[in-house]
Amino acid sequence: MDFRLKVFYAVAKNLSFTKAARELFISQPAVSKNIRELEMQYKVALFERSDRRIRLTDAGRWLFQHVGLIQDAYLRIEENMNRFAGYTSGEIALGASTTIAQYVLPPLLSAFIRKYPDIKLSLLNGNSAEIEQALRDERISLGLVEGNARQTDLRYVHFMDDELVAVVRADSDLALKDEITPAELRRIPVVLRENGSGTLDVLEEALKHCGIKLSDLRILMQLGTTEGIKRFLESSDALGFVSIRAVDRELKAQQLKVLEIEGFEAKRTFSFVMKQGRYGELEERFMGSMQGGW
């Protein structure tokens, strides 16, 4: 495919010359030059520029849609010709929510790369809502998200099960008990994940079964990562809700303790997520490898 079309697609996808340059590993002036040449070739403006922002013109939107189809076709050709040759190569743009990216994927990605050294992987990290939006924006081709919420425009495939637990610092006053009641939970300062995270969505639903709303809690802070919550708890007499997979080392080292809450259970699912009908053989191979490797 014409490199200028690749540049156009990157700019249109990100609506940013700077992000496109970073994605393509070229300079921003080179991005601008390729777009100017493309507009001169077609004798039509592809972007409207105002107040340091850009947006697609009608011609630009039409071209973006069809360049996407061309790009998909090229990828399918490459994948299938490599398959006929018995050779597996290509690129997979992945996105994963924070807990999965930090605590589940690293050993699995390492094993995948050893098995398929000619498949290039990139990984975007964010909360579940951000990963789902990245799929819609076609910045990634396959995502892994946490939580039980489902968007109707996306397809989800089960990856593994997980559970949220309440944890406290092992030498805090809160750790003197093994279990508390929902009424006691209302009086304890807590630290939670940020809005938009799959963790917070699952927690909110689980607390409803205990007769508790998020607004009933004494929320000290909302943090963007599980690591942030764990580090906060190290020097605080507070309680945090995290994935059981994220605190394995701290529990074994007796730095943190799981505090049971009467009637509380927060099961959730880790899932692959993709656009309907927009994934290929490499993504299928990756999913199979991840499910088989866990």
C-alpha atoms as a PDB file:
ATOM      1  CA  MET A   1       0.000   0.000   0.000  1.00  0.00           C
ATOM      2  CA  ASP A   2       1.207   3.524  -0.803  1.00  0.00           C
ATOM      3  CA  PHE A   3       3.075   4.861   2.225  1.00  0.00           C
ATOM      4  CA  ARG A   4       1.191   8.148   1.969  1.00  0.00           C
ATOM      5  CA  LEU A   5      -2.040   6.241   2.531  1.00  0.00           C
ATOM      6  CA  LYS A   6      -0.524   4.622   5.612  1.00  0.00           C
ATOM      7  CA  VAL A   7       0.377   8.077   6.906  1.00  0.00           C
ATOM      8  CA  PHE A   8      -3.120   9.366   6.148  1.00  0.00           C
ATOM      9  CA  TYR A   9      -4.687   6.388   7.939  1.00  0.00           C
ATOM     10  CA  ALA A  10      -2.552   6.977  11.048  1.00  0.00           C
ATOM     11  CA  VAL A  11      -3.460  10.676  11.146  1.00  0.00           C
ATOM     12  CA  ALA A  12      -7.163   9.980  10.554  1.00  0.00           C
ATOM     13  CA  LYS A  13      -7.243   7.242  13.184  1.00  0.00           C
ATOM     14  CA  ASN A  14      -5.586   9.418  15.838  1.00  0.00           C
ATOM     15  CA  LEU A  15      -6.810  12.820  14.591  1.00  0.00           C
ATOM     16  CA  SER A  16      -3.315  13.983  15.439  1.00  0.00           C
ATOM     17  CA  PHE A  17      -0.203  14.563  13.352  1.00  0.00           C
ATOM     18  CA  THR A  18       1.952  14.149  16.469  1.00  0.00           C
ATOM     19  CA  LYS A  19       0.487  10.763  17.447  1.00  0.00           C
ATOM     20  CA  ALA A  20       0.702   9.551  13.852  1.00  0.00           C
ATOM     21  CA  ALA A  21       4.392  10.491  13.706  1.00  0.00           C
ATOM     22  CA  ARG A  22       5.037   8.609  16.931  1.00  0.00           C
ATOM     23  CA  GLU A  23       3.136   5.562  15.703  1.00  0.00           C
ATOM     24  CA  LEU A  24       4.978   5.452  12.366  1.00  0.00           C
ATOM     25  CA  PHE A  25       8.407   6.381  13.782  1.00  0.00           C
ATOM     26  CA  ILE A  26       8.788   9.362  11.447  1.00  0.00           C
ATOM     27  CA  SER A  27       8.999  13.098  12.069  1.00  0.00           C
ATOM     28  CA  GLN A  28       5.944  15.332  12.249  1.00  0.00           C
ATOM     29  CA  PRO A  29       7.131  17.403   9.235  1.00  0.00           C
ATOM     30  CA  ALA A  30       7.319  14.133   7.263  1.00  0.00           C
ATOM     31  CA  VAL A  31       3.716  13.388   8.220  1.00  0.00           C
ATOM     32  CA  SER A  32       2.611  16.846   7.080  1.00  0.00           C
ATOM     33  CA  LYS A  33       4.519  16.477   3.799  1.00  0.00           C
ATOM     34  CA  ASN A  34       2.847  13.147   2.986  1.00  0.00           C
ATOM     35  CA  ILE A  35      -0.615  14.534   3.717  1.00  0.00           C
ATOM     36  CA  ARG A  36       0.024  17.605   1.532  1.00  0.00           C
ATOM     37  CA  GLU A  37       1.171  15.379  -1.337  1.00  0.00           C
ATOM     38  CA  LEU A  38      -1.914  13.190  -0.989  1.00  0.00           C
ATOM     39  CA  GLU A  39      -4.235  16.214  -1.008  1.00  0.00           C
ATOM     40  CA  MET A  40      -2.434  17.590  -4.073  1.00  0.00           C
ATOM     41  CA  GLN A  41      -2.753  14.238  -5.829  1.00  0.00           C
ATOM     42  CA  TYR A  42      -6.495  13.967  -5.199  1.00  0.00           C
ATOM     43  CA  LYS A  43      -7.064  17.735  -5.503  1.00  0.00           C
ATOM     44  CA  VAL A  44      -9.259  17.733  -2.389  1.00  0.00           C
ATOM     45  CA  ALA A  45      -8.793  18.588   1.289  1.00  0.00           C
ATOM     46  CA  LEU A  46      -8.771  15.540   3.548  1.00  0.00           C
ATOM     47  CA  PHE A  47      -8.675  17.399   6.871  1.00  0.00           C
ATOM     48  CA  GLU A  48     -10.172  20.568   8.267  1.00  0.00           C
ATOM     49  CA  ARG A  49      -7.734  22.424  10.504  1.00  0.00           C
ATOM     50  CA  SER A  50      -8.852  24.905  13.176  1.00  0.00           C
ATOM     51  CA  ASP A  51      -7.724  25.887  16.698  1.00  0.00           C
ATOM     52  CA  ARG A  52      -4.881  23.360  16.623  1.00  0.00           C
ATOM     53  CA  ARG A  53      -7.381  20.570  16.043  1.00  0.00           C
ATOM     54  CA  ILE A  54      -8.106  18.571  12.928  1.00  0.00           C
ATOM     55  CA  ARG A  55     -11.115  16.643  11.715  1.00  0.00           C
ATOM     56  CA  LEU A  56     -11.881  14.686   8.595  1.00  0.00           C
ATOM     57  CA  THR A  57     -13.676  16.256   5.657  1.00  0.00           C
ATOM     58  CA  ASP A  58     -16.343  14.227   3.814  1.00  0.00           C
ATOM     59  CA  ALA A  59     -13.646  13.118   1.370  1.00  0.00           C
ATOM     60  CA  GLY A  60     -11.359  12.250   4.256  1.00  0.00           C
ATOM     61  CA  ARG A  61     -14.020  10.130   5.960  1.00  0.00           C
ATOM     62  CA  TRP A  62     -14.666   8.204   2.732  1.00  0.00           C
ATOM     63  CA  LEU A  63     -10.949   7.637   2.199  1.00  0.00           C
ATOM     64  CA  PHE A  64     -10.407   6.565   5.828  1.00  0.00           C
ATOM     65  CA  GLN A  65     -13.120   3.929   5.547  1.00  0.00           C
ATOM     66  CA  HIS A  66     -11.763   2.473   2.311  1.00  0.00           C
ATOM     67  CA  VAL A  67      -8.094   2.612   3.288  1.00  0.00           C
ATOM     68  CA  GLY A  68      -9.099   0.603   6.359  1.00  0.00           C
ATOM     69  CA  LEU A  69     -10.615  -2.052   4.110  1.00  0.00           C
ATOM     70  CA  ILE A  70      -7.470  -2.093   1.958  1.00  0.00           C
ATOM     71  CA  GLN A  71      -5.268  -2.425   5.021  1.00  0.00           C
ATOM     72  CA  ASP A  72      -7.354  -5.326   6.321  1.00  0.00           C
ATOM     73  CA  ALA A  73      -7.091  -7.021   2.921  1.00  0.00           C
ATOM     74  CA  TYR A  74      -3.289  -6.645   2.888  1.00  0.00           C
ATOM     75  CA  LEU A  75      -3.065  -8.158   6.358  1.00  0.00           C
ATOM     76  CA  ARG A  76      -5.220 -11.132   5.349  1.00  0.00           C
ATOM     77  CA  ILE A  77      -3.099 -11.670   2.215  1.00  0.00           C
ATOM     78  CA  GLU A  78       0.101 -11.629   4.257  1.00  0.00           C
ATOM     79  CA  GLU A  79      -1.289 -13.953   6.918  1.00  0.00           C
ATOM     80  CA  ASN A  80      -2.617 -16.497   4.446  1.00  0.00           C
ATOM     81  CA  MET A  81       0.422 -16.499   2.172  1.00  0.00           C
ATOM     82  CA  ASN A  82       2.627 -17.033   5.205  1.00  0.00           C
ATOM     83  CA  ARG A  83       0.330 -19.855   6.292  1.00  0.00           C
ATOM     84  CA  PHE A  84       0.666 -21.530   2.885  1.00  0.00           C
ATOM     85  CA  ALA A  85       4.438 -21.210   3.229  1.00  0.00           C
ATOM     86  CA  GLY A  86       4.362 -22.657   6.733  1.00  0.00           C
ATOM     87  CA  TYR A  87       5.708 -19.386   8.125  1.00  0.00           C
ATOM     88  CA  THR A  88       4.052 -17.312  10.827  1.00  0.00           C
ATOM     89  CA  SER A  89       4.786 -13.598  10.980  1.00  0.00           C
ATOM     90  CA  GLY A  90       2.969 -10.304  11.276  1.00  0.00           C
ATOM     91  CA  GLU A  91       1.912  -7.761  13.871  1.00  0.00           C
ATOM     92  CA  ILE A  92      -0.730  -7.779  16.601  1.00  0.00           C
ATOM     93  CA  ALA A  93      -1.703  -4.506  18.259  1.00  0.00           C
ATOM     94  CA  LEU A  94      -2.921  -5.495  21.716  1.00  0.00           C
ATOM     95  CA  GLY A  95      -4.611  -3.551  24.468  1.00  0.00           C
ATOM     96  CA  ALA A  96      -5.068  -4.744  28.045  1.00  0.00           C
ATOM     97  CA  SER A  97      -6.688  -3.325  31.141  1.00  0.00           C
ATOM     98  CA  THR A  98      -4.339  -2.549  33.988  1.00  0.00           C
ATOM     99  CA  THR A  99      -4.689  -5.648  36.163  1.00  0.00           C
ATOM    100  CA  ILE A 100      -4.327  -8.018  33.217  1.00  0.00           C
ATOM    101  CA  ALA A 101      -1.379  -6.100  31.757  1.00  0.00           C
ATOM    102  CA  GLN A 102       0.519  -6.030  35.050  1.00  0.00           C
ATOM    103  CA  TYR A 103      -0.241  -9.354  36.697  1.00  0.00           C
ATOM    104  CA  VAL A 104      -1.439 -11.844  34.071  1.00  0.00           C
ATOM    105  CA  LEU A 105       0.088 -11.132  30.667  1.00  0.00           C
ATOM    106  CA  PRO A 106       3.869 -10.763  31.211  1.00  0.00           C
ATOM    107  CA  PRO A 107       4.753 -14.488  31.501  1.00  0.00           C
ATOM    108  CA  LEU A 108       2.238 -15.416  28.800  1.00  0.00           C
ATOM    109  CA  LEU A 109       3.603 -12.799  26.390  1.00  0.00           C
ATOM    110  CA  SER A 110       7.128 -14.019  27.021  1.00  0.00           C
ATOM    111  CA  ALA A 111       6.120 -17.604  26.187  1.00  0.00           C
ATOM    112  CA  PHE A 112       4.255 -16.445  23.062  1.00  0.00           C
ATOM    113  CA  ILE A 113       7.269 -14.508  21.767  1.00  0.00           C
ATOM    114  CA  ARG A 114       9.520 -17.518  22.275  1.00  0.00           C
ATOM    115  CA  LYS A 115       7.090 -19.670  20.284  1.00  0.00           C
ATOM    116  CA  TYR A 116       6.415 -17.085  17.546  1.00  0.00           C
ATOM    117  CA  PRO A 117       9.534 -14.861  17.335  1.00  0.00           C
ATOM    118  CA  ASP A 118       8.451 -13.348  14.000  1.00  0.00           C
ATOM    119  CA  ILE A 119       5.131 -12.036  15.299  1.00  0.00           C
ATOM    120  CA  LYS A 120       5.584  -8.481  16.542  1.00  0.00           C
ATOM    121  CA  LEU A 121       3.462  -7.519  19.547  1.00  0.00           C
ATOM    122  CA  SER A 122       2.611  -4.052  20.843  1.00  0.00           C
ATOM    123  CA  LEU A 123       0.654  -3.456  24.033  1.00  0.00           C
ATOM    124  CA  LEU A 124      -1.545  -0.494  24.971  1.00  0.00           C
ATOM    125  CA  ASN A 125      -2.388  -0.231  28.670  1.00  0.00           C
ATOM    126  CA  GLY A 126      -5.497   1.473  30.077  1.00  0.00           C
ATOM    127  CA  ASN A 127      -8.682   0.786  31.962  1.00  0.00           C
ATOM    128  CA  SER A 128     -11.398  -1.378  30.408  1.00  0.00           C
ATOM    129  CA  ALA A 129     -13.349   1.552  28.968  1.00  0.00           C
ATOM    130  CA  GLU A 130     -10.191   2.949  27.359  1.00  0.00           C
ATOM    131  CA  ILE A 131      -9.322  -0.422  25.807  1.00  0.00           C
ATOM    132  CA  GLU A 132     -12.815  -0.787  24.355  1.00  0.00           C
ATOM    133  CA  GLN A 133     -12.598   2.705  22.867  1.00  0.00           C
ATOM    134  CA  ALA A 134      -9.168   1.920  21.404  1.00  0.00           C
ATOM    135  CA  LEU A 135     -10.798  -0.992  19.552  1.00  0.00           C
ATOM    136  CA  ARG A 136     -13.489   1.292  18.147  1.00  0.00           C
ATOM    137  CA  ASP A 137     -10.802   3.752  17.070  1.00  0.00           C
ATOM    138  CA  GLU A 138      -8.854   0.852  15.484  1.00  0.00           C
ATOM    139  CA  ARG A 139      -5.723   1.680  17.466  1.00  0.00           C
ATOM    140  CA  ILE A 140      -5.627  -1.985  18.508  1.00  0.00           C
ATOM    141  CA  SER A 141      -7.001  -5.174  16.949  1.00  0.00           C
ATOM    142  CA  LEU A 142      -7.486  -7.236  20.129  1.00  0.00           C
ATOM    143  CA  GLY A 143      -8.129  -6.258  23.725  1.00  0.00           C
ATOM    144  CA  LEU A 144      -8.209  -7.961  27.107  1.00  0.00           C
ATOM    145  CA  VAL A 145     -10.524  -6.413  29.676  1.00  0.00           C
ATOM    146  CA  GLU A 146     -11.713  -7.068  33.202  1.00  0.00           C
ATOM    147  CA  GLY A 147     -15.252  -6.856  34.503  1.00  0.00           C
ATOM    148  CA  ASN A 148     -18.627  -8.224  33.577  1.00  0.00           C
ATOM    149  CA  ALA A 149     -20.014  -5.302  31.550  1.00  0.00           C
ATOM    150  CA  ARG A 150     -20.533  -5.895  27.820  1.00  0.00           C
ATOM    151  CA  GLN A 151     -20.809  -3.376  24.976  1.00  0.00           C
ATOM    152  CA  THR A 152     -23.211  -4.441  22.235  1.00  0.00           C
ATOM    153  CA  ASP A 153     -20.931  -3.317  19.391  1.00  0.00           C
ATOM    154  CA  LEU A 154     -18.056  -5.538  20.523  1.00  0.00           C
ATOM    155  CA  ARG A 155     -17.479  -9.279  20.751  1.00  0.00           C
ATOM    156  CA  TYR A 156     -16.215 -10.874  23.982  1.00  0.00           C
ATOM    157  CA  VAL A 157     -14.532 -14.255  24.479  1.00  0.00           C
ATOM    158  CA  HIS A 158     -13.851 -15.723  27.921  1.00  0.00           C
ATOM    159  CA  PHE A 159     -10.198 -15.696  28.981  1.00  0.00           C
ATOM    160  CA  MET A 160     -10.141 -16.555  32.700  1.00  0.00           C
ATOM    161  CA  ASP A 161     -11.998 -16.000  35.959  1.00  0.00           C
ATOM    162  CA  ASP A 162     -10.931 -13.636  38.717  1.00  0.00           C
ATOM    163  CA  GLU A 163     -12.100 -12.393  42.102  1.00  0.00           C
ATOM    164  CA  LEU A 164     -11.878  -9.072  43.908  1.00  0.00           C
ATOM    165  CA  VAL A 165     -10.892  -9.151  47.578  1.00  0.00           C
ATOM    166  CA  ALA A 166     -10.680  -6.567  50.338  1.00  0.00           C
ATOM    167  CA  VAL A 167      -7.122  -6.155  51.611  1.00  0.00           C
ATOM    168  CA  VAL A 168      -5.540  -4.200  54.454  1.00  0.00           C
ATOM    169  CA  ARG A 169      -2.009  -3.717  55.719  1.00  0.00           C
ATOM    170  CA  ALA A 170      -1.114  -6.809  57.754  1.00  0.00           C
ATOM    171  CA  ASP A 171       0.076  -4.811  60.772  1.00  0.00           C
ATOM    172  CA  SER A 172      -2.807  -2.328  60.808  1.00  0.00           C
ATOM    173  CA  ASP A 173      -5.593  -2.274  63.403  1.00  0.00           C
ATOM    174  CA  LEU A 174      -7.994  -3.421  60.696  1.00  0.00           C
ATOM    175  CA  ALA A 175      -6.064  -6.693  60.381  1.00  0.00           C
ATOM    176  CA  LEU A 176      -6.942  -7.692  63.952  1.00  0.00           C
ATOM    177  CA  LYS A 177     -10.225  -9.053  62.594  1.00  0.00           C
ATOM    178  CA  ASP A 178     -10.694 -11.769  59.987  1.00  0.00           C
ATOM    179  CA  GLU A 179     -14.190 -10.664  58.960  1.00  0.00           C
ATOM    180  CA  ILE A 180     -16.282  -7.511  59.168  1.00  0.00           C
ATOM    181  CA  THR A 181     -19.939  -6.734  58.535  1.00  0.00           C
ATOM    182  CA  PRO A 182     -21.264  -4.428  55.802  1.00  0.00           C
ATOM    183  CA  ALA A 183     -22.152  -1.945  58.538  1.00  0.00           C
ATOM    184  CA  GLU A 184     -18.510  -1.891  59.693  1.00  0.00           C
ATOM    185  CA  LEU A 185     -17.336  -1.444  56.107  1.00  0.00           C
ATOM    186  CA  ARG A 186     -19.250   1.843  55.912  1.00  0.00           C
ATOM    187  CA  ARG A 187     -17.055   3.252  58.696  1.00  0.00           C
ATOM    188  CA  ILE A 188     -13.695   2.167  57.274  1.00  0.00           C
ATOM    189  CA  PRO A 189     -11.721   4.498  54.966  1.00  0.00           C
ATOM    190  CA  VAL A 190     -11.278   2.861  51.558  1.00  0.00           C
ATOM    191  CA  VAL A 191      -9.221   3.438  48.438  1.00  0.00           C
ATOM    192  CA  LEU A 192     -10.712   2.412  45.082  1.00  0.00           C
ATOM    193  CA  ARG A 193      -9.887   2.255  41.389  1.00  0.00           C
ATOM    194  CA  GLU A 194     -10.851   5.130  39.095  1.00  0.00           C
ATOM    195  CA  ASN A 195     -14.172   5.581  37.297  1.00  0.00           C
ATOM    196  CA  GLY A 196     -14.218   3.613  34.030  1.00  0.00           C
ATOM    197  CA  SER A 197     -12.212   0.688  35.407  1.00  0.00           C
ATOM    198  CA  GLY A 198     -13.670  -2.817  35.206  1.00  0.00           C
ATOM    199  CA  THR A 199     -12.651  -3.337  38.830  1.00  0.00           C
ATOM    200  CA  LEU A 200     -14.862  -0.499  40.055  1.00  0.00           C
ATOM    201  CA  ASP A 201     -17.843  -1.705  37.992  1.00  0.00           C
ATOM    202  CA  VAL A 202     -17.621  -5.220  39.467  1.00  0.00           C
ATOM    203  CA  LEU A 203     -17.140  -3.858  42.978  1.00  0.00           C
ATOM    204  CA  GLU A 204     -20.163  -1.594  42.710  1.00  0.00           C
ATOM    205  CA  GLU A 205     -22.372  -4.515  41.631  1.00  0.00           C
ATOM    206  CA  ALA A 206     -21.041  -6.817  44.378  1.00  0.00           C
ATOM    207  CA  LEU A 207     -21.604  -4.203  47.079  1.00  0.00           C
ATOM    208  CA  LYS A 208     -25.250  -3.833  46.015  1.00  0.00           C
ATOM    209  CA  HIS A 209     -25.844  -7.390  47.210  1.00  0.00           C
ATOM    210  CA  CYS A 210     -24.609  -6.254  50.633  1.00  0.00           C
ATOM    211  CA  GLY A 211     -26.953  -3.269  50.595  1.00  0.00           C
ATOM    212  CA  ILE A 212     -24.118  -0.797  50.071  1.00  0.00           C
ATOM    213  CA  LYS A 213     -23.715   1.929  47.456  1.00  0.00           C
ATOM    214  CA  LEU A 214     -20.364   3.451  46.564  1.00  0.00           C
ATOM    215  CA  SER A 215     -21.657   6.727  47.991  1.00  0.00           C
ATOM    216  CA  ASP A 216     -22.061   4.981  51.371  1.00  0.00           C
ATOM    217  CA  LEU A 217     -18.308   4.348  51.613  1.00  0.00           C
ATOM    218  CA  ARG A 218     -15.681   6.597  53.184  1.00  0.00           C
ATOM    219  CA  ILE A 219     -13.608   6.976  49.999  1.00  0.00           C
ATOM    220  CA  LEU A 220     -10.200   8.464  50.689  1.00  0.00           C
ATOM    221  CA  MET A 221      -8.912   8.278  47.118  1.00  0.00           C
ATOM    222  CA  GLN A 222      -9.486   6.743  43.711  1.00  0.00           C
ATOM    223  CA  LEU A 223      -6.284   5.639  41.979  1.00  0.00           C
ATOM    224  CA  GLY A 224      -5.577   4.616  38.397  1.00  0.00           C
ATOM    225  CA  THR A 225      -3.643   1.424  39.114  1.00  0.00           C
ATOM    226  CA  THR A 226      -3.720  -1.544  41.454  1.00  0.00           C
ATOM    227  CA  GLU A 227      -0.052  -0.888  42.231  1.00  0.00           C
ATOM    228  CA  GLY A 228      -1.049   2.575  43.385  1.00  0.00           C
ATOM    229  CA  ILE A 229      -3.633   1.088  45.745  1.00  0.00           C
ATOM    230  CA  LYS A 230      -1.116  -1.405  47.167  1.00  0.00           C
ATOM    231  CA  ARG A 231       1.504   1.285  47.746  1.00  0.00           C
ATOM    232  CA  PHE A 232      -1.125   3.523  49.381  1.00  0.00           C
ATOM    233  CA  LEU A 233      -2.100   0.735  51.784  1.00  0.00           C
ATOM    234  CA  GLU A 234       1.520   0.249  52.855  1.00  0.00           C
ATOM    235  CA  SER A 235       1.356   3.455  54.903  1.00  0.00           C
ATOM    236  CA  SER A 236      -2.362   3.780  55.591  1.00  0.00           C
ATOM    237  CA  ASP A 237      -4.962   2.241  57.885  1.00  0.00           C
ATOM    238  CA  ALA A 238      -7.340   1.929  54.963  1.00  0.00           C
ATOM    239  CA  LEU A 239      -8.923  -0.897  52.989  1.00  0.00           C
ATOM    240  CA  GLY A 240      -8.536  -1.506  49.269  1.00  0.00           C
ATOM    241  CA  PHE A 241     -10.349  -3.720  46.771  1.00  0.00           C
ATOM    242  CA  VAL A 242      -8.045  -5.480  44.291  1.00  0.00           C
ATOM    243  CA  SER A 243      -7.732  -8.642  42.225  1.00  0.00           C
ATOM    244  CA  ILE A 244      -6.600 -11.670  44.227  1.00  0.00           C
ATOM    245  CA  ARG A 245      -4.043 -12.223  41.456  1.00  0.00           C
ATOM    246  CA  ALA A 246      -2.488  -8.835  42.157  1.00  0.00           C
ATOM    247  CA  VAL A 247      -1.620  -9.460  45.812  1.00  0.00           C
ATOM    248  CA  ASP A 248      -0.224 -12.997  45.727  1.00  0.00           C
ATOM    249  CA  ARG A 249       3.306 -11.904  46.684  1.00  0.00           C
ATOM    250  CA  GLU A 250       2.157  -9.481  49.375  1.00  0.00           C
ATOM    251  CA  LEU A 251      -0.088 -12.119  50.981  1.00  0.00           C
ATOM    252  CA  LYS A 252       2.711 -14.697  51.005  1.00  0.00           C
ATOM    253  CA  ALA A 253       5.097 -12.118  52.479  1.00  0.00           C
ATOM    254  CA  GLN A 254       2.444 -11.208  55.088  1.00  0.00           C
ATOM    255  CA  GLN A 255       2.531  -7.570  54.047  1.00  0.00           C
ATOM    256  CA  LEU A 256      -1.187  -7.493  53.241  1.00  0.00           C
ATOM    257  CA  LYS A 257      -4.113  -9.469  54.614  1.00  0.00           C
ATOM    258  CA  VAL A 258      -7.455 -10.367  53.040  1.00  0.00           C
ATOM    259  CA  LEU A 259     -10.316  -9.083  55.156  1.00  0.00           C
ATOM    260  CA  GLU A 260     -13.552 -10.998  54.612  1.00  0.00           C
ATOM    261  CA  ILE A 261     -16.800  -9.040  54.399  1.00  0.00           C
ATOM    262  CA  GLU A 262     -19.984 -10.814  55.425  1.00  0.00           C
ATOM    263  CA  GLY A 263     -22.064 -11.620  52.328  1.00  0.00           C
ATOM    264  CA  PHE A 264     -19.548 -10.050  49.927  1.00  0.00           C
ATOM    265  CA  GLU A 265     -18.492 -11.935  46.784  1.00  0.00           C
ATOM    266  CA  ALA A 266     -17.021 -10.221  43.720  1.00  0.00           C
ATOM    267  CA  LYS A 267     -16.435 -12.741  40.956  1.00  0.00           C
ATOM    268  CA  ARG A 268     -15.549 -11.379  37.546  1.00  0.00           C
ATOM    269  CA  THR A 269     -14.320 -12.447  34.139  1.00  0.00           C
ATOM    270  CA  PHE A 270     -11.238 -11.495  32.172  1.00  0.00           C
ATOM    271  CA  SER A 271     -12.204 -11.464  28.493  1.00  0.00           C
ATOM    272  CA  PHE A 272     -10.743 -11.005  25.057  1.00  0.00           C
ATOM    273  CA  VAL A 273     -12.614  -8.251  23.245  1.00  0.00           C
ATOM    274  CA  MET A 274     -12.610  -7.342  19.568  1.00  0.00           C
ATOM    275  CA  LYS A 275     -14.682  -5.524  16.963  1.00  0.00           C
ATOM    276  CA  GLN A 276     -17.345  -7.664  15.371  1.00  0.00           C
ATOM    277  CA  GLY A 277     -15.769  -9.494  12.426  1.00  0.00           C
ATOM    278  CA  ARG A 278     -12.515  -7.487  12.617  1.00  0.00           C
ATOM    279  CA  TYR A 279      -9.843  -9.919  13.708  1.00  0.00           C
ATOM    280  CA  GLY A 280      -7.639 -12.346  11.820  1.00  0.00           C
ATOM    281  CA  GLU A 281      -5.695 -15.553  12.078  1.00  0.00           C
ATOM    282  CA  LEU A 282      -2.914 -14.003  14.157  1.00  0.00           C
ATOM    283  CA  GLU A 283      -5.385 -12.792  16.754  1.00  0.00           C
ATOM    284  CA  GLU A 284      -7.027 -16.238  16.803  1.00  0.00           C
ATOM    285  CA  ARG A 285      -3.604 -17.823  17.253  1.00  0.00           C
ATOM    286  CA  PHE A 286      -2.803 -15.426  20.082  1.00  0.00           C
ATOM    287  CA  MET A 287      -6.069 -16.141  21.889  1.00  0.00           C
ATOM    288  CA  GLY A 288      -5.546 -19.877  21.577  1.00  0.00           C
ATOM    289  CA  SER A 289      -2.018 -19.577  22.921  1.00  0.00           C
ATOM    290  CA  MET A 290      -3.093 -17.453  25.882  1.00  0.00           C
ATOM    291  CA  GLN A 291      -5.958 -19.758  26.855  1.00  0.00           C
ATOM    292  CA  GLY A 292      -3.761 -22.826  26.521  1.00  0.00           C
ATOM    293  CA  GLY A 293      -0.877 -21.256  28.406  1.00  0.00           C
ATOM    294  CA  TRP A 294      -2.781 -20.365  31.555  1.00  0.00           C
END
